[in-house]
Amino acid sequence: MTVATATPGRRWFRLAGPRRGGAGQLELWCLYLIVALTVILPFAHWLVPSGETEIVGTPFTAPGAQHWLGTDEQGRDVLSRVILGLASSWWGVLGIIVCSLLIGTIIGTIAGTLGGWVDAVLMRLTDAVLALPGPLVSLLVVAALGPGLRNVLLAVTATWWPWYARIVRSEVRAVRVLPHVDAARSAGMSPLRVALRHVLPGVLRPIVVVASLDVGSVLLLLASLSFIGLGAPAPAAEIGSMSAAGFTYLFSAPWVALAPAAVLFTVTMAANFAGDGVQERIG
């Protein structure tokens, strides 16, 4: 049975009940795929047949033995550009999640540990950011700073950390009243030492689960911003901008638009299944 609960800007899915062998295997293989991408994509420039701007053949060559995904309107290898674009987006996704985790964990830990007026001020700040429509704010920030991958990463991170801050703060408040934490506090340990040694280890599992579920959402958001022209400027390879450019030739050379779109769909679905598997096993 699938239970879904919606929150503003996201949707969380939790599978309840006994696990089926097929579904568990699918999640496991998707997790392997995500790990493989993380390991392989740093070496993408050495693995692809050609560079992202290198002209290797006649424009609009159909997919075949020489060019597996064909060539685009300038004669560039689509497969190479898709892999390089995925690598760029992938490291952007991981950067956003890691930075958001750090910011959210620091704010959530301080708020949950100290409580009182500190908790009230930090949570009101968090609520103020959460009340804003994240994708729209990201779009406005990028429009103000100018297109570019760095500005996109800054804009998305600025609106993504409050989710982690809320979760960490809730988990910290639950862990800090446990007997072993009370004993450490009674023994005279400083609040910082109590938080680092006894509280944070207890909140790692839920935030790892949430982060794993966010991979697909962040990837899709980056591709969407790139699709509307707010990513890295041409001729840089990005999944979203490649799909947007290829729509002009959708009927004459459909592979130019459909290849990056299919890769984005596959990786996003794999990330969602992998996140669900992580949630089931350690959540």
C-alpha atoms as a PDB file:
ATOM      1  CA  MET A   1       0.000   0.000   0.000  1.00  0.00           C
ATOM      2  CA  THR A   2       1.296   3.467  -0.847  1.00  0.00           C
ATOM      3  CA  VAL A   3       0.698   6.361   1.487  1.00  0.00           C
ATOM      4  CA  ALA A   4       1.373   9.854   0.110  1.00  0.00           C
ATOM      5  CA  THR A   5       1.438  13.099   2.060  1.00  0.00           C
ATOM      6  CA  ALA A   6       1.919  16.435   0.371  1.00  0.00           C
ATOM      7  CA  THR A   7       3.828  19.433   1.669  1.00  0.00           C
ATOM      8  CA  PRO A   8       4.267  22.794  -0.090  1.00  0.00           C
ATOM      9  CA  GLY A   9       6.655  22.374  -2.998  1.00  0.00           C
ATOM     10  CA  ARG A  10       7.245  18.667  -2.444  1.00  0.00           C
ATOM     11  CA  ARG A  11       5.493  15.358  -2.238  1.00  0.00           C
ATOM     12  CA  TRP A  12       6.696  12.599   0.063  1.00  0.00           C
ATOM     13  CA  PHE A  13       5.933   8.962  -0.633  1.00  0.00           C
ATOM     14  CA  ARG A  14       6.240   6.259   1.986  1.00  0.00           C
ATOM     15  CA  LEU A  15       5.654   2.631   1.161  1.00  0.00           C
ATOM     16  CA  ALA A  16       3.909   0.836   3.986  1.00  0.00           C
ATOM     17  CA  GLY A  17       3.327  -2.838   4.519  1.00  0.00           C
ATOM     18  CA  PRO A  18       5.410  -5.877   3.548  1.00  0.00           C
ATOM     19  CA  ARG A  19       7.977  -5.465   0.808  1.00  0.00           C
ATOM     20  CA  ARG A  20       7.568  -7.231  -2.521  1.00  0.00           C
ATOM     21  CA  GLY A  21      10.628  -8.866  -4.019  1.00  0.00           C
ATOM     22  CA  GLY A  22      10.283  -7.144  -7.409  1.00  0.00           C
ATOM     23  CA  ALA A  23       9.862  -3.638  -5.967  1.00  0.00           C
ATOM     24  CA  GLY A  24      12.780  -4.140  -3.586  1.00  0.00           C
ATOM     25  CA  GLN A  25      15.034  -5.298  -6.417  1.00  0.00           C
ATOM     26  CA  LEU A  26      14.048  -2.304  -8.554  1.00  0.00           C
ATOM     27  CA  GLU A  27      14.926   0.110  -5.767  1.00  0.00           C
ATOM     28  CA  LEU A  28      18.218  -1.677  -5.174  1.00  0.00           C
ATOM     29  CA  TRP A  29      19.241  -1.507  -8.836  1.00  0.00           C
ATOM     30  CA  CYS A  30      18.244   2.157  -8.995  1.00  0.00           C
ATOM     31  CA  LEU A  31      20.438   2.799  -5.968  1.00  0.00           C
ATOM     32  CA  TYR A  32      23.322   1.038  -7.736  1.00  0.00           C
ATOM     33  CA  LEU A  33      22.729   3.262 -10.771  1.00  0.00           C
ATOM     34  CA  ILE A  34      22.827   6.453  -8.679  1.00  0.00           C
ATOM     35  CA  VAL A  35      26.036   5.355  -6.966  1.00  0.00           C
ATOM     36  CA  ALA A  36      27.569   4.442 -10.330  1.00  0.00           C
ATOM     37  CA  LEU A  37      26.681   7.846 -11.771  1.00  0.00           C
ATOM     38  CA  THR A  38      28.269   9.590  -8.782  1.00  0.00           C
ATOM     39  CA  VAL A  39      31.469   7.585  -9.255  1.00  0.00           C
ATOM     40  CA  ILE A  40      31.682   7.736 -13.064  1.00  0.00           C
ATOM     41  CA  LEU A  41      30.478  11.246 -13.948  1.00  0.00           C
ATOM     42  CA  PRO A  42      33.578  13.043 -12.558  1.00  0.00           C
ATOM     43  CA  PHE A  43      35.498  11.339 -15.371  1.00  0.00           C
ATOM     44  CA  ALA A  44      32.909  12.178 -18.052  1.00  0.00           C
ATOM     45  CA  HIS A  45      35.282  14.394 -20.048  1.00  0.00           C
ATOM     46  CA  TRP A  46      37.632  11.448 -20.514  1.00  0.00           C
ATOM     47  CA  LEU A  47      34.901   8.920 -21.291  1.00  0.00           C
ATOM     48  CA  VAL A  48      32.852  10.689 -23.972  1.00  0.00           C
ATOM     49  CA  PRO A  49      33.660  10.309 -27.683  1.00  0.00           C
ATOM     50  CA  SER A  50      34.041  14.067 -28.236  1.00  0.00           C
ATOM     51  CA  GLY A  51      33.944  17.447 -26.523  1.00  0.00           C
ATOM     52  CA  GLU A  52      30.744  19.370 -25.894  1.00  0.00           C
ATOM     53  CA  THR A  53      31.461  21.919 -28.650  1.00  0.00           C
ATOM     54  CA  GLU A  54      33.409  19.687 -31.048  1.00  0.00           C
ATOM     55  CA  ILE A  55      31.858  19.239 -34.491  1.00  0.00           C
ATOM     56  CA  VAL A  56      32.224  15.593 -35.427  1.00  0.00           C
ATOM     57  CA  GLY A  57      29.942  15.079 -38.420  1.00  0.00           C
ATOM     58  CA  THR A  58      27.143  16.283 -40.638  1.00  0.00           C
ATOM     59  CA  PRO A  59      24.305  18.132 -38.870  1.00  0.00           C
ATOM     60  CA  PHE A  60      21.267  16.027 -38.030  1.00  0.00           C
ATOM     61  CA  THR A  61      22.900  12.668 -38.617  1.00  0.00           C
ATOM     62  CA  ALA A  62      20.451  10.024 -37.413  1.00  0.00           C
ATOM     63  CA  PRO A  63      21.462   7.706 -34.543  1.00  0.00           C
ATOM     64  CA  GLY A  64      23.643   4.867 -35.753  1.00  0.00           C
ATOM     65  CA  ALA A  65      26.793   2.891 -35.122  1.00  0.00           C
ATOM     66  CA  GLN A  66      29.074   5.917 -35.431  1.00  0.00           C
ATOM     67  CA  HIS A  67      26.952   8.309 -33.364  1.00  0.00           C
ATOM     68  CA  TRP A  68      24.690   6.347 -31.039  1.00  0.00           C
ATOM     69  CA  LEU A  69      22.352   9.286 -30.365  1.00  0.00           C
ATOM     70  CA  GLY A  70      22.988  11.102 -33.631  1.00  0.00           C
ATOM     71  CA  THR A  71      24.269  14.652 -34.101  1.00  0.00           C
ATOM     72  CA  ASP A  72      22.600  17.995 -33.472  1.00  0.00           C
ATOM     73  CA  GLU A  73      22.037  21.049 -35.681  1.00  0.00           C
ATOM     74  CA  GLN A  74      25.752  21.894 -35.658  1.00  0.00           C
ATOM     75  CA  GLY A  75      27.059  18.364 -36.134  1.00  0.00           C
ATOM     76  CA  ARG A  76      28.007  17.823 -32.477  1.00  0.00           C
ATOM     77  CA  ASP A  77      27.703  14.361 -30.942  1.00  0.00           C
ATOM     78  CA  VAL A  78      24.461  14.244 -28.932  1.00  0.00           C
ATOM     79  CA  LEU A  79      25.623  11.370 -26.720  1.00  0.00           C
ATOM     80  CA  SER A  80      28.725  13.281 -25.612  1.00  0.00           C
ATOM     81  CA  ARG A  81      26.743  16.429 -24.885  1.00  0.00           C
ATOM     82  CA  VAL A  82      24.089  14.525 -22.951  1.00  0.00           C
ATOM     83  CA  ILE A  83      26.696  12.832 -20.740  1.00  0.00           C
ATOM     84  CA  LEU A  84      28.571  16.090 -20.133  1.00  0.00           C
ATOM     85  CA  GLY A  85      25.326  17.942 -19.449  1.00  0.00           C
ATOM     86  CA  LEU A  86      24.247  15.261 -16.993  1.00  0.00           C
ATOM     87  CA  ALA A  87      27.618  15.485 -15.248  1.00  0.00           C
ATOM     88  CA  SER A  88      27.267  19.243 -14.855  1.00  0.00           C
ATOM     89  CA  SER A  89      23.726  18.974 -13.500  1.00  0.00           C
ATOM     90  CA  TRP A  90      24.602  16.019 -11.269  1.00  0.00           C
ATOM     91  CA  TRP A  91      27.339  17.855  -9.423  1.00  0.00           C
ATOM     92  CA  GLY A  92      25.045  20.843  -9.155  1.00  0.00           C
ATOM     93  CA  VAL A  93      22.415  18.643  -7.504  1.00  0.00           C
ATOM     94  CA  LEU A  94      24.891  17.200  -5.019  1.00  0.00           C
ATOM     95  CA  GLY A  95      26.278  20.672  -4.284  1.00  0.00           C
ATOM     96  CA  ILE A  96      22.811  22.075  -3.571  1.00  0.00           C
ATOM     97  CA  ILE A  97      21.877  19.199  -1.284  1.00  0.00           C
ATOM     98  CA  VAL A  98      25.172  19.245   0.634  1.00  0.00           C
ATOM     99  CA  CYS A  99      25.115  23.036   1.134  1.00  0.00           C
ATOM    100  CA  SER A 100      21.435  22.991   2.098  1.00  0.00           C
ATOM    101  CA  LEU A 101      22.117  20.158   4.547  1.00  0.00           C
ATOM    102  CA  LEU A 102      24.953  22.073   6.172  1.00  0.00           C
ATOM    103  CA  ILE A 103      22.939  25.279   6.532  1.00  0.00           C
ATOM    104  CA  GLY A 104      19.788  23.498   7.662  1.00  0.00           C
ATOM    105  CA  THR A 105      21.635  21.229  10.103  1.00  0.00           C
ATOM    106  CA  ILE A 106      23.451  24.150  11.739  1.00  0.00           C
ATOM    107  CA  ILE A 107      20.312  26.262  12.101  1.00  0.00           C
ATOM    108  CA  GLY A 108      18.113  23.334  13.163  1.00  0.00           C
ATOM    109  CA  THR A 109      20.656  22.106  15.723  1.00  0.00           C
ATOM    110  CA  ILE A 110      21.115  25.545  17.280  1.00  0.00           C
ATOM    111  CA  ALA A 111      17.364  26.126  17.437  1.00  0.00           C
ATOM    112  CA  GLY A 112      16.570  22.694  18.860  1.00  0.00           C
ATOM    113  CA  THR A 113      19.433  22.704  21.375  1.00  0.00           C
ATOM    114  CA  LEU A 114      19.181  26.227  22.791  1.00  0.00           C
ATOM    115  CA  GLY A 115      15.417  26.697  22.550  1.00  0.00           C
ATOM    116  CA  GLY A 116      13.847  29.888  23.923  1.00  0.00           C
ATOM    117  CA  TRP A 117      14.141  33.119  21.960  1.00  0.00           C
ATOM    118  CA  VAL A 118      16.931  31.696  19.778  1.00  0.00           C
ATOM    119  CA  ASP A 119      14.621  28.904  18.625  1.00  0.00           C
ATOM    120  CA  ALA A 120      11.790  31.386  18.035  1.00  0.00           C
ATOM    121  CA  VAL A 121      13.900  33.763  15.931  1.00  0.00           C
ATOM    122  CA  LEU A 122      15.510  31.029  13.816  1.00  0.00           C
ATOM    123  CA  MET A 123      12.235  29.239  13.185  1.00  0.00           C
ATOM    124  CA  ARG A 124      10.461  32.468  12.214  1.00  0.00           C
ATOM    125  CA  LEU A 125      13.256  33.069   9.708  1.00  0.00           C
ATOM    126  CA  THR A 126      12.845  29.530   8.432  1.00  0.00           C
ATOM    127  CA  ASP A 127       9.066  29.929   8.175  1.00  0.00           C
ATOM    128  CA  ALA A 128       9.503  33.184   6.253  1.00  0.00           C
ATOM    129  CA  VAL A 129      11.641  31.439   3.617  1.00  0.00           C
ATOM    130  CA  LEU A 130       9.296  28.433   3.510  1.00  0.00           C
ATOM    131  CA  ALA A 131       6.339  30.733   2.875  1.00  0.00           C
ATOM    132  CA  LEU A 132       7.926  31.890  -0.387  1.00  0.00           C
ATOM    133  CA  PRO A 133       7.338  29.867  -3.585  1.00  0.00           C
ATOM    134  CA  GLY A 134      10.763  28.237  -3.997  1.00  0.00           C
ATOM    135  CA  PRO A 135      10.900  27.817  -7.797  1.00  0.00           C
ATOM    136  CA  LEU A 136       9.614  31.359  -8.366  1.00  0.00           C
ATOM    137  CA  VAL A 137      12.147  32.833  -5.929  1.00  0.00           C
ATOM    138  CA  SER A 138      14.924  30.835  -7.610  1.00  0.00           C
ATOM    139  CA  LEU A 139      13.824  32.163 -10.984  1.00  0.00           C
ATOM    140  CA  LEU A 140      13.785  35.774  -9.724  1.00  0.00           C
ATOM    141  CA  VAL A 141      17.200  35.448  -8.080  1.00  0.00           C
ATOM    142  CA  VAL A 142      18.755  34.007 -11.228  1.00  0.00           C
ATOM    143  CA  ALA A 143      17.090  36.677 -13.338  1.00  0.00           C
ATOM    144  CA  ALA A 144      18.583  39.349 -11.046  1.00  0.00           C
ATOM    145  CA  LEU A 145      22.088  37.849 -10.851  1.00  0.00           C
ATOM    146  CA  GLY A 146      22.193  36.732 -14.471  1.00  0.00           C
ATOM    147  CA  PRO A 147      22.075  33.304 -16.144  1.00  0.00           C
ATOM    148  CA  GLY A 148      24.741  30.812 -15.187  1.00  0.00           C
ATOM    149  CA  LEU A 149      25.111  27.556 -13.335  1.00  0.00           C
ATOM    150  CA  ARG A 150      26.697  29.180 -10.273  1.00  0.00           C
ATOM    151  CA  ASN A 151      23.826  31.637  -9.872  1.00  0.00           C
ATOM    152  CA  VAL A 152      21.296  28.837 -10.309  1.00  0.00           C
ATOM    153  CA  LEU A 153      22.983  26.801  -7.563  1.00  0.00           C
ATOM    154  CA  LEU A 154      23.008  29.790  -5.197  1.00  0.00           C
ATOM    155  CA  ALA A 155      19.350  30.560  -5.905  1.00  0.00           C
ATOM    156  CA  VAL A 156      18.118  27.009  -5.343  1.00  0.00           C
ATOM    157  CA  THR A 157      20.219  26.526  -2.197  1.00  0.00           C
ATOM    158  CA  ALA A 158      18.822  29.765  -0.753  1.00  0.00           C
ATOM    159  CA  THR A 159      15.307  28.307  -0.875  1.00  0.00           C
ATOM    160  CA  TRP A 160      16.050  24.644  -0.137  1.00  0.00           C
ATOM    161  CA  TRP A 161      17.764  24.688   3.299  1.00  0.00           C
ATOM    162  CA  PRO A 162      14.637  25.483   5.412  1.00  0.00           C
ATOM    163  CA  TRP A 163      13.251  21.981   4.834  1.00  0.00           C
ATOM    164  CA  TYR A 164      16.316  20.468   6.468  1.00  0.00           C
ATOM    165  CA  ALA A 165      16.341  23.054   9.264  1.00  0.00           C
ATOM    166  CA  ARG A 166      12.778  22.143  10.212  1.00  0.00           C
ATOM    167  CA  ILE A 167      13.465  18.409  10.189  1.00  0.00           C
ATOM    168  CA  VAL A 168      16.734  18.688  12.135  1.00  0.00           C
ATOM    169  CA  ARG A 169      15.181  20.967  14.738  1.00  0.00           C
ATOM    170  CA  SER A 170      12.310  18.530  15.289  1.00  0.00           C
ATOM    171  CA  GLU A 171      14.663  15.557  15.584  1.00  0.00           C
ATOM    172  CA  VAL A 172      17.021  17.438  17.925  1.00  0.00           C
ATOM    173  CA  ARG A 173      14.152  18.306  20.262  1.00  0.00           C
ATOM    174  CA  ALA A 174      13.166  14.634  20.330  1.00  0.00           C
ATOM    175  CA  VAL A 175      16.704  13.347  20.936  1.00  0.00           C
ATOM    176  CA  ARG A 176      17.809  15.907  23.534  1.00  0.00           C
ATOM    177  CA  VAL A 177      15.333  14.571  26.127  1.00  0.00           C
ATOM    178  CA  LEU A 178      16.605  10.988  25.909  1.00  0.00           C
ATOM    179  CA  PRO A 179      18.248   9.597  29.078  1.00  0.00           C
ATOM    180  CA  HIS A 180      21.797   9.425  27.734  1.00  0.00           C
ATOM    181  CA  VAL A 181      21.632  13.054  26.590  1.00  0.00           C
ATOM    182  CA  ASP A 182      20.295  14.130  29.986  1.00  0.00           C
ATOM    183  CA  ALA A 183      23.106  12.215  31.648  1.00  0.00           C
ATOM    184  CA  ALA A 184      25.731  13.941  29.493  1.00  0.00           C
ATOM    185  CA  ARG A 185      24.215  17.322  30.283  1.00  0.00           C
ATOM    186  CA  SER A 186      24.108  16.532  34.005  1.00  0.00           C
ATOM    187  CA  ALA A 187      27.769  15.523  33.876  1.00  0.00           C
ATOM    188  CA  GLY A 188      28.657  19.112  32.970  1.00  0.00           C
ATOM    189  CA  MET A 189      29.274  18.764  29.231  1.00  0.00           C
ATOM    190  CA  SER A 190      28.911  21.983  27.271  1.00  0.00           C
ATOM    191  CA  PRO A 191      25.860  22.373  24.997  1.00  0.00           C
ATOM    192  CA  LEU A 192      28.113  22.288  21.903  1.00  0.00           C
ATOM    193  CA  ARG A 193      29.767  19.045  22.996  1.00  0.00           C
ATOM    194  CA  VAL A 194      26.415  17.474  23.859  1.00  0.00           C
ATOM    195  CA  ALA A 195      25.067  18.447  20.434  1.00  0.00           C
ATOM    196  CA  LEU A 196      28.075  17.091  18.538  1.00  0.00           C
ATOM    197  CA  ARG A 197      28.570  13.854  20.470  1.00  0.00           C
ATOM    198  CA  HIS A 198      25.065  12.823  21.518  1.00  0.00           C
ATOM    199  CA  VAL A 199      22.417  14.755  19.575  1.00  0.00           C
ATOM    200  CA  LEU A 200      23.630  14.985  15.961  1.00  0.00           C
ATOM    201  CA  PRO A 201      24.335  11.237  15.599  1.00  0.00           C
ATOM    202  CA  GLY A 202      20.694  10.642  16.430  1.00  0.00           C
ATOM    203  CA  VAL A 203      19.415  12.867  13.617  1.00  0.00           C
ATOM    204  CA  LEU A 204      21.685  11.622  10.828  1.00  0.00           C
ATOM    205  CA  ARG A 205      19.377   8.855   9.643  1.00  0.00           C
ATOM    206  CA  PRO A 206      16.276  10.997   8.966  1.00  0.00           C
ATOM    207  CA  ILE A 207      18.207  13.752   7.189  1.00  0.00           C
ATOM    208  CA  VAL A 208      20.033  11.192   5.017  1.00  0.00           C
ATOM    209  CA  VAL A 209      16.635   9.779   4.038  1.00  0.00           C
ATOM    210  CA  VAL A 210      15.242  13.227   3.217  1.00  0.00           C
ATOM    211  CA  ALA A 211      18.346  14.151   1.216  1.00  0.00           C
ATOM    212  CA  SER A 212      18.137  10.940  -0.813  1.00  0.00           C
ATOM    213  CA  LEU A 213      14.504  11.686  -1.642  1.00  0.00           C
ATOM    214  CA  ASP A 214      15.432  15.196  -2.777  1.00  0.00           C
ATOM    215  CA  VAL A 215      17.912  14.189  -5.491  1.00  0.00           C
ATOM    216  CA  GLY A 216      15.287  13.716  -8.201  1.00  0.00           C
ATOM    217  CA  SER A 217      13.414  16.908  -7.269  1.00  0.00           C
ATOM    218  CA  VAL A 218      16.533  19.091  -7.368  1.00  0.00           C
ATOM    219  CA  LEU A 219      17.671  17.555 -10.668  1.00  0.00           C
ATOM    220  CA  LEU A 220      14.293  18.288 -12.223  1.00  0.00           C
ATOM    221  CA  LEU A 221      14.318  21.867 -10.888  1.00  0.00           C
ATOM    222  CA  LEU A 222      17.789  22.542 -12.323  1.00  0.00           C
ATOM    223  CA  ALA A 223      16.721  21.134 -15.685  1.00  0.00           C
ATOM    224  CA  SER A 224      13.591  23.316 -15.637  1.00  0.00           C
ATOM    225  CA  LEU A 225      15.597  26.491 -14.993  1.00  0.00           C
ATOM    226  CA  SER A 226      18.017  25.500 -17.738  1.00  0.00           C
ATOM    227  CA  PHE A 227      15.100  24.771 -20.085  1.00  0.00           C
ATOM    228  CA  ILE A 228      13.851  28.359 -19.834  1.00  0.00           C
ATOM    229  CA  GLY A 229      17.328  29.761 -20.451  1.00  0.00           C
ATOM    230  CA  LEU A 230      18.562  30.459 -16.901  1.00  0.00           C
ATOM    231  CA  GLY A 231      21.330  27.861 -16.835  1.00  0.00           C
ATOM    232  CA  ALA A 232      24.819  27.999 -18.264  1.00  0.00           C
ATOM    233  CA  PRO A 233      24.872  30.004 -21.515  1.00  0.00           C
ATOM    234  CA  ALA A 234      25.369  28.284 -24.879  1.00  0.00           C
ATOM    235  CA  PRO A 235      27.290  26.401 -26.110  1.00  0.00           C
ATOM    236  CA  ALA A 236      27.614  24.721 -22.694  1.00  0.00           C
ATOM    237  CA  ALA A 237      25.898  21.347 -22.543  1.00  0.00           C
ATOM    238  CA  GLU A 238      22.979  21.167 -20.103  1.00  0.00           C
ATOM    239  CA  ILE A 239      20.103  18.713 -20.167  1.00  0.00           C
ATOM    240  CA  GLY A 240      17.351  21.320 -19.972  1.00  0.00           C
ATOM    241  CA  SER A 241      18.768  23.759 -22.521  1.00  0.00           C
ATOM    242  CA  MET A 242      19.543  20.919 -24.934  1.00  0.00           C
ATOM    243  CA  SER A 243      15.917  19.751 -24.811  1.00  0.00           C
ATOM    244  CA  ALA A 244      14.688  23.317 -25.325  1.00  0.00           C
ATOM    245  CA  ALA A 245      16.951  23.872 -28.334  1.00  0.00           C
ATOM    246  CA  GLY A 246      15.979  20.531 -29.834  1.00  0.00           C
ATOM    247  CA  PHE A 247      12.252  21.279 -29.784  1.00  0.00           C
ATOM    248  CA  THR A 248      12.717  23.403 -32.886  1.00  0.00           C
ATOM    249  CA  TYR A 249      13.649  20.224 -34.772  1.00  0.00           C
ATOM    250  CA  LEU A 250      11.260  17.875 -32.990  1.00  0.00           C
ATOM    251  CA  PHE A 251       9.661  16.570 -36.205  1.00  0.00           C
ATOM    252  CA  SER A 252      12.697  16.637 -38.486  1.00  0.00           C
ATOM    253  CA  ALA A 253      15.321  15.373 -35.981  1.00  0.00           C
ATOM    254  CA  PRO A 254      13.472  14.201 -32.856  1.00  0.00           C
ATOM    255  CA  TRP A 255      16.541  12.630 -31.232  1.00  0.00           C
ATOM    256  CA  VAL A 256      18.060  16.068 -30.562  1.00  0.00           C
ATOM    257  CA  ALA A 257      15.296  16.914 -28.070  1.00  0.00           C
ATOM    258  CA  LEU A 258      14.197  13.449 -26.959  1.00  0.00           C
ATOM    259  CA  ALA A 259      17.635  12.065 -26.037  1.00  0.00           C
ATOM    260  CA  PRO A 260      18.350  14.534 -23.196  1.00  0.00           C
ATOM    261  CA  ALA A 261      14.698  14.424 -22.106  1.00  0.00           C
ATOM    262  CA  ALA A 262      14.781  10.610 -21.910  1.00  0.00           C
ATOM    263  CA  VAL A 263      18.014  10.663 -19.895  1.00  0.00           C
ATOM    264  CA  LEU A 264      16.549  13.239 -17.500  1.00  0.00           C
ATOM    265  CA  PHE A 265      13.387  11.160 -17.049  1.00  0.00           C
ATOM    266  CA  THR A 266      15.339   7.945 -16.467  1.00  0.00           C
ATOM    267  CA  VAL A 267      17.769   9.419 -13.942  1.00  0.00           C
ATOM    268  CA  THR A 268      15.008  11.296 -12.088  1.00  0.00           C
ATOM    269  CA  MET A 269      12.901   8.151 -11.771  1.00  0.00           C
ATOM    270  CA  ALA A 270      15.935   6.115 -10.695  1.00  0.00           C
ATOM    271  CA  ALA A 271      16.761   8.732  -8.042  1.00  0.00           C
ATOM    272  CA  ASN A 272      13.181   8.634  -6.742  1.00  0.00           C
ATOM    273  CA  PHE A 273      13.179   4.829  -6.513  1.00  0.00           C
ATOM    274  CA  ALA A 274      16.624   4.863  -4.904  1.00  0.00           C
ATOM    275  CA  GLY A 275      15.478   7.438  -2.353  1.00  0.00           C
ATOM    276  CA  ASP A 276      12.453   5.324  -1.569  1.00  0.00           C
ATOM    277  CA  GLY A 277      14.728   2.316  -1.050  1.00  0.00           C
ATOM    278  CA  VAL A 278      16.966   4.294   1.306  1.00  0.00           C
ATOM    279  CA  GLN A 279      13.881   5.406   3.225  1.00  0.00           C
ATOM    280  CA  GLU A 280      12.660   1.843   3.615  1.00  0.00           C
ATOM    281  CA  ARG A 281      15.973   0.503   4.797  1.00  0.00           C
ATOM    282  CA  ILE A 282      17.257   3.190   7.154  1.00  0.00           C
ATOM    283  CA  GLY A 283      14.319   5.509   7.694  1.00  0.00           C
END
